[in-house]
N, C-alpha and C. Protein backbone atom coordinates (compact mmCIF):
# COMPACT_ATOMS: atom_id res chain seq x y z
N MET A 1 0.84 -1.19 0.00
CA MET A 1 0.00 0.00 0.00
C MET A 1 0.88 1.25 0.00
N ASN A 2 0.70 2.12 -1.00
CA ASN A 2 1.51 3.34 -1.04
C ASN A 2 1.02 4.33 0.02
N ASN A 3 1.81 5.39 0.21
CA ASN A 3 1.50 6.33 1.28
C ASN A 3 0.15 7.01 1.10
N GLU A 4 -0.18 7.34 -0.14
CA GLU A 4 -1.46 8.01 -0.39
C GLU A 4 -2.63 7.13 0.03
N ASN A 5 -2.59 5.86 -0.35
CA ASN A 5 -3.66 4.94 0.02
C ASN A 5 -3.65 4.65 1.52
N LEU A 6 -2.44 4.61 2.09
CA LEU A 6 -2.31 4.36 3.53
C LEU A 6 -2.96 5.49 4.33
N TRP A 7 -2.70 6.73 3.92
CA TRP A 7 -3.31 7.88 4.60
C TRP A 7 -4.82 7.86 4.44
N ALA A 8 -5.29 7.54 3.26
CA ALA A 8 -6.74 7.50 3.02
C ALA A 8 -7.40 6.45 3.90
N SER A 9 -6.75 5.29 4.01
CA SER A 9 -7.30 4.22 4.85
C SER A 9 -7.29 4.62 6.32
N PHE A 10 -6.20 5.28 6.74
CA PHE A 10 -6.08 5.67 8.15
C PHE A 10 -7.11 6.73 8.52
N LYS A 11 -7.35 7.69 7.63
CA LYS A 11 -8.31 8.75 7.94
C LYS A 11 -9.74 8.23 7.99
N SER A 12 -10.03 7.22 7.18
CA SER A 12 -11.39 6.66 7.20
C SER A 12 -11.57 5.63 8.30
N ASN A 13 -10.46 4.99 8.69
CA ASN A 13 -10.52 3.97 9.74
C ASN A 13 -9.19 3.95 10.48
N PRO A 14 -9.00 4.86 11.45
CA PRO A 14 -7.70 5.03 12.12
C PRO A 14 -7.37 3.92 13.11
N THR A 15 -6.98 2.76 12.58
CA THR A 15 -6.64 1.63 13.44
C THR A 15 -5.20 1.74 13.93
N THR A 16 -4.91 0.99 14.99
CA THR A 16 -3.55 0.97 15.54
C THR A 16 -2.56 0.41 14.54
N GLU A 17 -2.95 -0.62 13.81
CA GLU A 17 -2.04 -1.23 12.85
C GLU A 17 -1.69 -0.28 11.71
N LEU A 18 -2.67 0.47 11.23
CA LEU A 18 -2.39 1.43 10.16
C LEU A 18 -1.47 2.54 10.66
N LYS A 19 -1.69 2.97 11.90
CA LYS A 19 -0.83 4.02 12.45
C LYS A 19 0.60 3.52 12.61
N LYS A 20 0.77 2.27 13.04
CA LYS A 20 2.11 1.69 13.17
C LYS A 20 2.83 1.70 11.83
N GLN A 21 2.09 1.39 10.76
CA GLN A 21 2.70 1.36 9.44
C GLN A 21 3.13 2.76 9.00
N ILE A 22 2.31 3.76 9.32
CA ILE A 22 2.67 5.13 8.98
C ILE A 22 3.90 5.56 9.76
N VAL A 23 3.96 5.20 11.04
CA VAL A 23 5.14 5.52 11.86
C VAL A 23 6.39 4.93 11.23
N LEU A 24 6.33 3.67 10.82
CA LEU A 24 7.49 3.02 10.21
C LEU A 24 7.88 3.71 8.90
N ASN A 25 6.89 4.13 8.14
CA ASN A 25 7.18 4.78 6.86
C ASN A 25 7.89 6.12 7.02
N TYR A 26 7.66 6.76 8.17
CA TYR A 26 8.21 8.11 8.37
C TYR A 26 9.18 8.20 9.54
N ILE A 27 9.60 7.06 10.07
CA ILE A 27 10.48 7.09 11.25
C ILE A 27 11.81 7.76 10.95
N ASN A 28 12.21 7.77 9.67
CA ASN A 28 13.47 8.43 9.33
C ASN A 28 13.43 9.94 9.57
N LEU A 29 12.23 10.51 9.66
CA LEU A 29 12.12 11.93 9.98
C LEU A 29 12.61 12.22 11.40
N VAL A 30 12.41 11.27 12.30
CA VAL A 30 12.89 11.43 13.68
C VAL A 30 14.42 11.47 13.68
N HIS A 31 15.04 10.53 12.97
CA HIS A 31 16.50 10.51 12.87
C HIS A 31 17.00 11.82 12.26
N TYR A 32 16.30 12.28 11.25
CA TYR A 32 16.70 13.50 10.55
C TYR A 32 16.72 14.70 11.49
N VAL A 33 15.64 14.88 12.25
CA VAL A 33 15.55 16.03 13.16
C VAL A 33 16.63 15.97 14.22
N ILE A 34 16.81 14.80 14.83
CA ILE A 34 17.82 14.65 15.89
C ILE A 34 19.21 14.92 15.34
N HIS A 35 19.48 14.41 14.15
CA HIS A 35 20.81 14.56 13.55
C HIS A 35 21.07 16.00 13.12
N LYS A 36 20.10 16.62 12.47
CA LYS A 36 20.31 17.95 11.89
C LYS A 36 20.31 19.06 12.93
N THR A 37 19.61 18.87 14.04
CA THR A 37 19.56 19.92 15.06
C THR A 37 20.52 19.66 16.21
N ASN A 38 21.34 18.60 16.07
CA ASN A 38 22.41 18.32 17.04
C ASN A 38 21.90 18.17 18.47
N PHE A 39 20.74 17.56 18.63
CA PHE A 39 20.22 17.33 19.98
C PHE A 39 21.15 16.43 20.79
N ASN A 40 21.85 15.52 20.11
CA ASN A 40 22.72 14.58 20.83
C ASN A 40 23.87 15.27 21.54
N GLN A 41 24.17 16.51 21.15
CA GLN A 41 25.24 17.24 21.82
C GLN A 41 24.79 17.83 23.15
N ASN A 42 23.48 17.84 23.37
CA ASN A 42 22.93 18.33 24.63
C ASN A 42 22.84 17.16 25.60
N GLU A 43 23.51 17.24 26.72
CA GLU A 43 23.63 16.10 27.64
C GLU A 43 22.48 15.99 28.63
N ILE A 44 21.44 16.79 28.46
CA ILE A 44 20.29 16.71 29.36
C ILE A 44 19.65 15.33 29.26
N PHE A 45 19.55 14.81 28.05
CA PHE A 45 18.99 13.48 27.80
C PHE A 45 19.98 12.67 26.98
N ASP A 46 19.80 11.35 26.97
CA ASP A 46 20.63 10.54 26.09
C ASP A 46 19.89 10.32 24.77
N ARG A 47 20.54 9.64 23.85
CA ARG A 47 20.02 9.48 22.50
C ARG A 47 18.67 8.77 22.49
N ARG A 48 18.50 7.79 23.35
CA ARG A 48 17.23 7.06 23.36
C ARG A 48 16.08 7.95 23.80
N ASP A 49 16.35 8.85 24.75
CA ASP A 49 15.31 9.78 25.20
C ASP A 49 14.87 10.68 24.05
N TYR A 50 15.83 11.23 23.32
CA TYR A 50 15.49 12.09 22.19
C TYR A 50 14.70 11.33 21.14
N PHE A 51 15.09 10.09 20.91
CA PHE A 51 14.38 9.27 19.94
C PHE A 51 12.94 9.04 20.38
N GLN A 52 12.74 8.75 21.67
CA GLN A 52 11.39 8.52 22.19
C GLN A 52 10.54 9.78 22.07
N PHE A 53 11.11 10.92 22.42
CA PHE A 53 10.37 12.18 22.28
C PHE A 53 10.01 12.42 20.82
N GLY A 54 10.95 12.11 19.93
CA GLY A 54 10.69 12.29 18.50
C GLY A 54 9.56 11.41 18.00
N ILE A 55 9.53 10.17 18.49
CA ILE A 55 8.45 9.25 18.11
C ILE A 55 7.11 9.78 18.60
N GLU A 56 7.09 10.34 19.81
CA GLU A 56 5.85 10.92 20.34
C GLU A 56 5.40 12.09 19.47
N GLY A 57 6.37 12.92 19.05
CA GLY A 57 6.02 14.03 18.16
C GLY A 57 5.50 13.55 16.83
N LEU A 58 6.11 12.49 16.29
CA LEU A 58 5.65 11.91 15.03
C LEU A 58 4.24 11.37 15.18
N SER A 59 3.97 10.70 16.30
CA SER A 59 2.64 10.15 16.56
C SER A 59 1.59 11.25 16.62
N GLU A 60 1.93 12.35 17.29
CA GLU A 60 1.00 13.48 17.35
C GLU A 60 0.76 14.08 15.97
N ALA A 61 1.82 14.14 15.18
CA ALA A 61 1.69 14.69 13.82
C ALA A 61 0.75 13.83 12.98
N ILE A 62 0.86 12.53 13.12
CA ILE A 62 -0.01 11.61 12.37
C ILE A 62 -1.46 11.82 12.76
N ASP A 63 -1.72 11.97 14.06
CA ASP A 63 -3.09 12.14 14.54
C ASP A 63 -3.71 13.45 14.06
N ARG A 64 -2.89 14.49 13.94
CA ARG A 64 -3.42 15.83 13.65
C ARG A 64 -3.35 16.21 12.17
N PHE A 65 -2.60 15.47 11.40
CA PHE A 65 -2.40 15.84 10.00
C PHE A 65 -3.63 15.58 9.16
N ASP A 66 -3.93 16.53 8.27
CA ASP A 66 -5.03 16.38 7.33
C ASP A 66 -4.48 16.52 5.91
N PRO A 67 -4.44 15.42 5.15
CA PRO A 67 -3.88 15.46 3.79
C PRO A 67 -4.59 16.45 2.88
N ASP A 68 -5.84 16.78 3.20
CA ASP A 68 -6.61 17.68 2.34
C ASP A 68 -6.15 19.13 2.42
N TYR A 69 -5.31 19.46 3.40
CA TYR A 69 -4.84 20.83 3.55
C TYR A 69 -3.81 21.20 2.49
N GLY A 70 -3.24 20.22 1.83
CA GLY A 70 -2.28 20.49 0.77
C GLY A 70 -0.84 20.63 1.23
N THR A 71 -0.60 20.50 2.52
CA THR A 71 0.76 20.57 3.07
C THR A 71 1.39 19.19 3.06
N LYS A 72 2.67 19.11 2.72
CA LYS A 72 3.35 17.82 2.76
C LYS A 72 3.46 17.36 4.20
N PHE A 73 3.23 16.06 4.42
CA PHE A 73 3.31 15.54 5.78
C PHE A 73 4.71 15.70 6.35
N GLU A 74 5.72 15.49 5.52
CA GLU A 74 7.10 15.59 5.99
C GLU A 74 7.38 16.96 6.61
N THR A 75 6.91 18.01 5.95
CA THR A 75 7.12 19.37 6.45
C THR A 75 6.42 19.57 7.79
N TYR A 76 5.18 19.12 7.87
CA TYR A 76 4.40 19.25 9.10
C TYR A 76 5.01 18.42 10.22
N ALA A 77 5.39 17.19 9.92
CA ALA A 77 5.90 16.27 10.95
C ALA A 77 7.23 16.76 11.52
N ILE A 78 8.10 17.29 10.68
CA ILE A 78 9.39 17.79 11.17
C ILE A 78 9.18 18.87 12.22
N GLN A 79 8.22 19.75 11.98
CA GLN A 79 7.92 20.80 12.96
C GLN A 79 7.40 20.21 14.27
N ARG A 80 6.51 19.21 14.17
CA ARG A 80 5.94 18.60 15.37
C ARG A 80 7.00 17.82 16.15
N ILE A 81 7.84 17.09 15.45
CA ILE A 81 8.89 16.30 16.11
C ILE A 81 9.85 17.21 16.84
N ARG A 82 10.31 18.23 16.14
CA ARG A 82 11.25 19.17 16.73
C ARG A 82 10.61 19.91 17.92
N GLY A 83 9.36 20.33 17.74
CA GLY A 83 8.66 21.03 18.81
C GLY A 83 8.48 20.18 20.05
N LYS A 84 8.20 18.88 19.86
CA LYS A 84 8.03 17.98 21.00
C LYS A 84 9.32 17.85 21.79
N ILE A 85 10.43 17.72 21.10
CA ILE A 85 11.72 17.60 21.79
C ILE A 85 12.04 18.88 22.56
N TYR A 86 11.78 20.02 21.94
CA TYR A 86 12.01 21.29 22.64
C TYR A 86 11.13 21.40 23.88
N ASP A 87 9.88 20.96 23.76
CA ASP A 87 8.97 21.01 24.91
C ASP A 87 9.53 20.21 26.08
N GLU A 88 10.05 19.02 25.80
CA GLU A 88 10.61 18.18 26.85
C GLU A 88 11.87 18.80 27.45
N LEU A 89 12.68 19.41 26.61
CA LEU A 89 13.89 20.06 27.10
C LEU A 89 13.56 21.22 28.04
N ARG A 90 12.54 22.00 27.68
CA ARG A 90 12.17 23.15 28.50
C ARG A 90 11.66 22.72 29.88
N LYS A 91 11.09 21.53 29.96
CA LYS A 91 10.58 21.03 31.24
C LYS A 91 11.71 20.77 32.23
N TYR A 92 12.88 20.44 31.71
CA TYR A 92 13.96 19.97 32.58
C TYR A 92 15.08 20.97 32.82
N THR A 93 15.10 22.05 32.08
CA THR A 93 16.19 23.01 32.31
C THR A 93 15.77 24.43 32.01
N PRO A 94 15.93 25.35 32.97
CA PRO A 94 15.61 26.76 32.73
C PRO A 94 16.63 27.43 31.84
N LYS A 95 17.78 26.76 31.63
CA LYS A 95 18.84 27.34 30.82
C LYS A 95 18.67 27.03 29.33
N PHE A 96 17.65 26.22 29.03
CA PHE A 96 17.51 25.79 27.64
C PHE A 96 17.22 26.96 26.70
N GLU A 97 16.40 27.93 27.16
CA GLU A 97 16.09 29.08 26.32
C GLU A 97 17.36 29.83 25.94
N MET A 98 18.28 29.99 26.91
CA MET A 98 19.53 30.69 26.64
C MET A 98 20.38 29.91 25.65
N ALA A 99 20.38 28.59 25.79
CA ALA A 99 21.16 27.75 24.88
C ALA A 99 20.63 27.87 23.45
N CYS A 100 19.31 27.93 23.33
CA CYS A 100 18.70 28.07 22.01
C CYS A 100 19.11 29.38 21.35
N GLU A 101 19.09 30.46 22.15
CA GLU A 101 19.46 31.76 21.61
C GLU A 101 20.93 31.77 21.18
N HIS A 102 21.76 31.07 21.95
CA HIS A 102 23.19 31.05 21.66
C HIS A 102 23.51 30.36 20.35
N ASP A 103 22.80 29.25 20.06
CA ASP A 103 23.13 28.50 18.83
C ASP A 103 22.23 28.86 17.66
N GLY A 104 21.42 29.91 17.83
CA GLY A 104 20.60 30.38 16.71
C GLY A 104 19.36 29.55 16.49
N THR A 105 18.93 28.81 17.51
CA THR A 105 17.77 27.95 17.40
C THR A 105 16.63 28.53 18.22
N SER A 106 15.43 28.48 17.69
CA SER A 106 14.27 28.98 18.42
C SER A 106 13.60 27.84 19.15
N SER A 107 13.30 28.03 20.44
CA SER A 107 12.66 26.97 21.22
C SER A 107 11.21 26.77 20.82
N SER A 108 10.66 27.65 20.02
CA SER A 108 9.28 27.49 19.58
C SER A 108 9.16 26.43 18.51
N GLY A 109 10.31 25.92 18.07
CA GLY A 109 10.28 24.85 17.08
C GLY A 109 10.79 25.28 15.72
N SER A 110 11.23 26.52 15.59
CA SER A 110 11.76 26.99 14.32
C SER A 110 13.27 27.01 14.39
N THR A 111 13.95 26.25 13.52
CA THR A 111 15.40 26.20 13.52
C THR A 111 15.93 26.46 12.13
N ASN A 112 17.23 26.68 12.07
CA ASN A 112 17.89 26.85 10.78
C ASN A 112 18.14 25.48 10.18
N LEU A 113 17.07 24.73 9.93
CA LEU A 113 17.18 23.36 9.45
C LEU A 113 17.18 23.34 7.94
N SER A 114 18.23 22.80 7.35
CA SER A 114 18.34 22.75 5.90
C SER A 114 17.73 21.46 5.37
N LEU A 115 16.91 21.60 4.34
CA LEU A 115 16.31 20.42 3.71
C LEU A 115 16.89 20.22 2.32
N ASN A 116 18.09 20.77 2.08
CA ASN A 116 18.70 20.64 0.76
C ASN A 116 18.98 19.19 0.42
N ASN A 117 19.36 18.40 1.44
CA ASN A 117 19.57 16.97 1.22
C ASN A 117 18.35 16.23 1.69
N THR A 118 17.99 15.17 1.02
CA THR A 118 16.82 14.41 1.43
C THR A 118 17.10 13.65 2.70
N VAL A 119 16.03 13.29 3.40
CA VAL A 119 16.17 12.54 4.64
C VAL A 119 16.87 11.21 4.39
N ILE A 120 16.51 10.56 3.33
CA ILE A 120 17.07 9.23 3.09
C ILE A 120 18.55 9.30 2.77
N GLU A 121 19.00 10.38 2.15
CA GLU A 121 20.43 10.53 1.88
C GLU A 121 21.19 10.68 3.19
N ASP A 122 20.67 11.47 4.10
CA ASP A 122 21.32 11.62 5.40
C ASP A 122 21.34 10.29 6.14
N GLU A 123 20.23 9.57 6.05
CA GLU A 123 20.13 8.29 6.75
C GLU A 123 21.18 7.32 6.23
N GLY A 124 21.37 7.30 4.90
CA GLY A 124 22.37 6.43 4.32
C GLY A 124 23.77 6.77 4.79
N MET A 125 24.08 8.06 4.88
CA MET A 125 25.39 8.48 5.34
C MET A 125 25.60 8.16 6.81
N GLN A 126 24.57 8.33 7.63
CA GLN A 126 24.69 8.01 9.05
C GLN A 126 25.03 6.54 9.24
N LEU A 127 24.35 5.69 8.51
CA LEU A 127 24.61 4.26 8.64
C LEU A 127 25.98 3.92 8.07
N TYR A 128 26.37 4.60 7.00
CA TYR A 128 27.68 4.32 6.40
C TYR A 128 28.80 4.57 7.41
N GLU A 129 28.65 5.62 8.24
CA GLU A 129 29.70 5.96 9.19
C GLU A 129 29.98 4.83 10.16
N MET A 130 29.02 3.90 10.33
CA MET A 130 29.18 2.80 11.27
C MET A 130 29.63 1.52 10.57
N VAL A 131 29.77 1.58 9.27
CA VAL A 131 30.03 0.36 8.50
C VAL A 131 31.40 -0.26 8.72
N PRO A 132 32.51 0.46 8.68
CA PRO A 132 33.82 -0.19 8.68
C PRO A 132 34.04 -1.19 9.79
N GLY A 133 33.80 -0.81 11.04
CA GLY A 133 34.05 -1.72 12.15
C GLY A 133 33.00 -2.80 12.27
N GLU A 134 31.75 -2.40 12.15
CA GLU A 134 30.66 -3.33 12.43
C GLU A 134 30.43 -4.32 11.30
N TYR A 135 30.64 -3.88 10.06
CA TYR A 135 30.36 -4.73 8.92
C TYR A 135 31.56 -5.58 8.53
N ASP A 136 32.70 -5.36 9.19
CA ASP A 136 33.91 -6.13 8.93
C ASP A 136 34.33 -6.03 7.47
N ILE A 137 34.34 -4.82 6.94
CA ILE A 137 34.79 -4.56 5.58
C ILE A 137 36.16 -3.90 5.65
N PRO A 138 37.18 -4.40 4.96
CA PRO A 138 38.53 -3.84 5.06
C PRO A 138 38.57 -2.34 4.81
N ASP A 139 39.34 -1.63 5.63
CA ASP A 139 39.47 -0.19 5.47
C ASP A 139 40.05 0.17 4.10
N SER A 140 40.92 -0.72 3.58
CA SER A 140 41.54 -0.44 2.28
C SER A 140 40.50 -0.33 1.18
N LEU A 141 39.42 -1.09 1.30
CA LEU A 141 38.35 -1.01 0.31
C LEU A 141 37.56 0.28 0.47
N LEU A 142 37.32 0.65 1.73
CA LEU A 142 36.50 1.82 1.98
C LEU A 142 37.23 3.12 1.68
N GLU A 143 38.55 3.03 1.48
CA GLU A 143 39.30 4.23 1.12
C GLU A 143 38.99 4.66 -0.31
N LYS A 144 38.45 3.77 -1.08
CA LYS A 144 38.10 4.08 -2.46
C LYS A 144 36.75 4.81 -2.46
N ASN A 145 36.75 6.01 -2.96
CA ASN A 145 35.55 6.83 -2.91
C ASN A 145 34.36 6.19 -3.60
N GLU A 146 34.65 5.46 -4.71
CA GLU A 146 33.54 4.86 -5.43
C GLU A 146 32.88 3.77 -4.60
N LEU A 147 33.67 3.06 -3.77
CA LEU A 147 33.07 2.02 -2.93
C LEU A 147 32.31 2.64 -1.77
N LYS A 148 32.81 3.75 -1.25
CA LYS A 148 32.07 4.45 -0.21
C LYS A 148 30.70 4.87 -0.75
N SER A 149 30.74 5.44 -1.93
CA SER A 149 29.49 5.90 -2.55
C SER A 149 28.56 4.73 -2.81
N LYS A 150 29.13 3.61 -3.26
CA LYS A 150 28.31 2.43 -3.57
C LYS A 150 27.66 1.88 -2.31
N LEU A 151 28.42 1.86 -1.21
CA LEU A 151 27.87 1.35 0.03
C LEU A 151 26.72 2.21 0.53
N VAL A 152 26.88 3.52 0.42
CA VAL A 152 25.80 4.43 0.79
C VAL A 152 24.57 4.16 -0.07
N ASP A 153 24.79 3.96 -1.37
CA ASP A 153 23.69 3.67 -2.28
C ASP A 153 22.99 2.37 -1.90
N LEU A 154 23.78 1.37 -1.52
CA LEU A 154 23.19 0.08 -1.14
C LEU A 154 22.31 0.24 0.10
N ILE A 155 22.79 1.00 1.07
CA ILE A 155 22.01 1.22 2.29
C ILE A 155 20.74 1.98 1.97
N LYS A 156 20.87 3.03 1.16
CA LYS A 156 19.71 3.81 0.78
C LYS A 156 18.70 2.98 -0.01
N GLY A 157 19.19 1.95 -0.71
CA GLY A 157 18.33 1.12 -1.53
C GLY A 157 17.59 0.02 -0.77
N LEU A 158 17.90 -0.13 0.51
CA LEU A 158 17.19 -1.12 1.32
C LEU A 158 15.73 -0.71 1.48
N ASN A 159 14.88 -1.70 1.74
CA ASN A 159 13.49 -1.35 1.98
C ASN A 159 13.33 -0.66 3.33
N GLU A 160 12.18 -0.08 3.57
CA GLU A 160 11.95 0.73 4.77
C GLU A 160 12.20 -0.06 6.05
N ARG A 161 11.74 -1.30 6.08
CA ARG A 161 11.92 -2.11 7.29
C ARG A 161 13.38 -2.37 7.58
N ASP A 162 14.15 -2.73 6.55
CA ASP A 162 15.56 -3.06 6.77
C ASP A 162 16.36 -1.83 7.19
N ARG A 163 16.08 -0.68 6.55
CA ARG A 163 16.77 0.55 6.97
C ARG A 163 16.41 0.91 8.41
N THR A 164 15.16 0.67 8.76
CA THR A 164 14.72 0.98 10.13
C THR A 164 15.45 0.11 11.14
N ILE A 165 15.60 -1.17 10.83
CA ILE A 165 16.31 -2.08 11.73
C ILE A 165 17.75 -1.63 11.92
N LEU A 166 18.43 -1.29 10.83
CA LEU A 166 19.81 -0.83 10.93
C LEU A 166 19.90 0.47 11.73
N ASN A 167 19.00 1.38 11.47
CA ASN A 167 19.02 2.65 12.18
C ASN A 167 18.79 2.47 13.67
N LEU A 168 17.81 1.64 14.01
CA LEU A 168 17.50 1.44 15.43
C LEU A 168 18.63 0.72 16.15
N TYR A 169 19.29 -0.21 15.46
CA TYR A 169 20.33 -1.01 16.11
C TYR A 169 21.65 -0.24 16.21
N TYR A 170 22.07 0.39 15.12
CA TYR A 170 23.38 1.04 15.11
C TYR A 170 23.33 2.50 15.54
N TYR A 171 22.33 3.23 15.05
CA TYR A 171 22.30 4.66 15.32
C TYR A 171 21.61 4.97 16.65
N GLU A 172 20.46 4.33 16.91
CA GLU A 172 19.76 4.56 18.18
C GLU A 172 20.24 3.62 19.28
N GLU A 173 21.04 2.62 18.91
CA GLU A 173 21.65 1.69 19.86
C GLU A 173 20.61 0.93 20.69
N LEU A 174 19.51 0.56 20.04
CA LEU A 174 18.51 -0.28 20.69
C LEU A 174 18.93 -1.74 20.54
N ASN A 175 18.54 -2.58 21.51
CA ASN A 175 18.83 -4.00 21.39
C ASN A 175 17.72 -4.70 20.61
N TYR A 176 17.94 -5.99 20.33
CA TYR A 176 16.96 -6.73 19.53
C TYR A 176 15.58 -6.74 20.18
N GLN A 177 15.55 -6.87 21.50
CA GLN A 177 14.27 -6.93 22.21
C GLN A 177 13.48 -5.63 22.05
N ASP A 178 14.16 -4.50 22.18
CA ASP A 178 13.49 -3.20 22.03
C ASP A 178 13.00 -3.00 20.60
N ILE A 179 13.83 -3.41 19.64
CA ILE A 179 13.44 -3.27 18.24
C ILE A 179 12.24 -4.16 17.93
N ALA A 180 12.24 -5.36 18.48
CA ALA A 180 11.14 -6.29 18.26
C ALA A 180 9.82 -5.71 18.77
N LYS A 181 9.87 -5.07 19.93
CA LYS A 181 8.66 -4.45 20.48
C LYS A 181 8.17 -3.32 19.60
N LEU A 182 9.10 -2.52 19.11
CA LEU A 182 8.73 -1.37 18.29
C LEU A 182 8.13 -1.80 16.96
N LEU A 183 8.71 -2.85 16.36
CA LEU A 183 8.25 -3.31 15.05
C LEU A 183 7.19 -4.39 15.14
N ASN A 184 6.90 -4.82 16.37
CA ASN A 184 5.85 -5.81 16.60
C ASN A 184 6.13 -7.15 15.92
N ILE A 185 7.40 -7.59 15.99
CA ILE A 185 7.79 -8.91 15.53
C ILE A 185 8.69 -9.55 16.58
N THR A 186 9.01 -10.83 16.42
CA THR A 186 9.75 -11.54 17.46
C THR A 186 11.23 -11.15 17.47
N VAL A 187 11.86 -11.37 18.63
CA VAL A 187 13.28 -11.08 18.77
C VAL A 187 14.10 -11.93 17.82
N SER A 188 13.74 -13.20 17.70
CA SER A 188 14.49 -14.10 16.81
C SER A 188 14.38 -13.64 15.36
N ARG A 189 13.23 -13.10 15.00
CA ARG A 189 13.05 -12.61 13.63
C ARG A 189 13.92 -11.39 13.38
N ILE A 190 14.03 -10.50 14.37
CA ILE A 190 14.91 -9.34 14.24
C ILE A 190 16.35 -9.79 14.04
N SER A 191 16.78 -10.79 14.81
CA SER A 191 18.13 -11.31 14.70
C SER A 191 18.38 -11.88 13.30
N GLN A 192 17.41 -12.63 12.79
CA GLN A 192 17.53 -13.21 11.45
C GLN A 192 17.61 -12.13 10.38
N LEU A 193 16.75 -11.14 10.50
CA LEU A 193 16.72 -10.06 9.51
C LEU A 193 18.02 -9.26 9.53
N HIS A 194 18.52 -8.98 10.73
CA HIS A 194 19.75 -8.22 10.86
C HIS A 194 20.91 -8.96 10.19
N SER A 195 21.04 -10.24 10.48
CA SER A 195 22.11 -11.04 9.88
C SER A 195 21.98 -11.08 8.36
N LYS A 196 20.76 -11.22 7.89
CA LYS A 196 20.51 -11.28 6.44
C LYS A 196 20.88 -9.95 5.77
N ILE A 197 20.53 -8.84 6.40
CA ILE A 197 20.83 -7.52 5.83
C ILE A 197 22.33 -7.31 5.72
N ILE A 198 23.05 -7.61 6.81
CA ILE A 198 24.49 -7.41 6.83
C ILE A 198 25.18 -8.31 5.80
N LYS A 199 24.77 -9.57 5.74
CA LYS A 199 25.35 -10.50 4.78
C LYS A 199 25.14 -10.01 3.35
N SER A 200 23.94 -9.54 3.07
CA SER A 200 23.63 -9.05 1.73
C SER A 200 24.47 -7.83 1.37
N LEU A 201 24.63 -6.91 2.30
CA LEU A 201 25.44 -5.71 2.03
C LEU A 201 26.89 -6.08 1.75
N LYS A 202 27.43 -6.99 2.54
CA LYS A 202 28.82 -7.40 2.36
C LYS A 202 29.02 -8.10 1.01
N GLN A 203 28.07 -8.97 0.65
CA GLN A 203 28.19 -9.69 -0.61
C GLN A 203 28.09 -8.74 -1.80
N ARG A 204 27.17 -7.81 -1.72
CA ARG A 204 26.97 -6.88 -2.84
C ARG A 204 28.14 -5.91 -2.96
N LEU A 205 28.71 -5.51 -1.83
CA LEU A 205 29.87 -4.63 -1.88
C LEU A 205 31.07 -5.38 -2.47
N ALA A 206 31.23 -6.64 -2.09
CA ALA A 206 32.33 -7.45 -2.63
C ALA A 206 32.18 -7.62 -4.14
N PHE A 207 30.94 -7.75 -4.60
CA PHE A 207 30.68 -7.89 -6.04
C PHE A 207 31.16 -6.65 -6.80
N TYR A 208 30.90 -5.48 -6.25
CA TYR A 208 31.31 -4.24 -6.93
C TYR A 208 32.82 -4.05 -6.89
N ASN A 209 33.49 -4.74 -5.96
CA ASN A 209 34.94 -4.58 -5.86
C ASN A 209 35.69 -5.54 -6.76
N ASP A 210 34.99 -6.55 -7.29
CA ASP A 210 35.64 -7.53 -8.16
C ASP A 210 36.04 -6.91 -9.50
């Protein structure tokens, strides 16, 4: 089901399962906001906290979004995700407003966020940065720019579920059990999928190096 049909189905019958699918389809927006606004540099919360706040913001955006308004969901959701994280930060520190002013960020949810690069391109690069050690690919191969580019392309070319698993495991540092709960599948299935994804990436990268 494409996004247009998914939204239509959700608006006519907003079930939990349909909402979960929409969350998975747009979960990369949470990674994008956290990465682009450098929330991880703020030590008030750890990465998992920011991710959870972002998911809550995404969930609120899904509930409130109306496709008939003509606004892209991505644009609306980014504002809601970012705003939710700022709201949580303001609850825990009176100095947050000063920090926002210092780095040129508005606590109302408006930031100097550039959308020149697509979310999926950023996601591919984030995952690529973790590849050398974790994927057991020789550094000598990764020194070749064309192979670096190819690996990023391979990651970007994964389906939504597989990219989500990699992002949650490597970037958000969730364990298999946490990922299984989020994706509503078994822990053993997450383990199988993770191994399959990594094996496929390594094999395809080796093919391009031959």
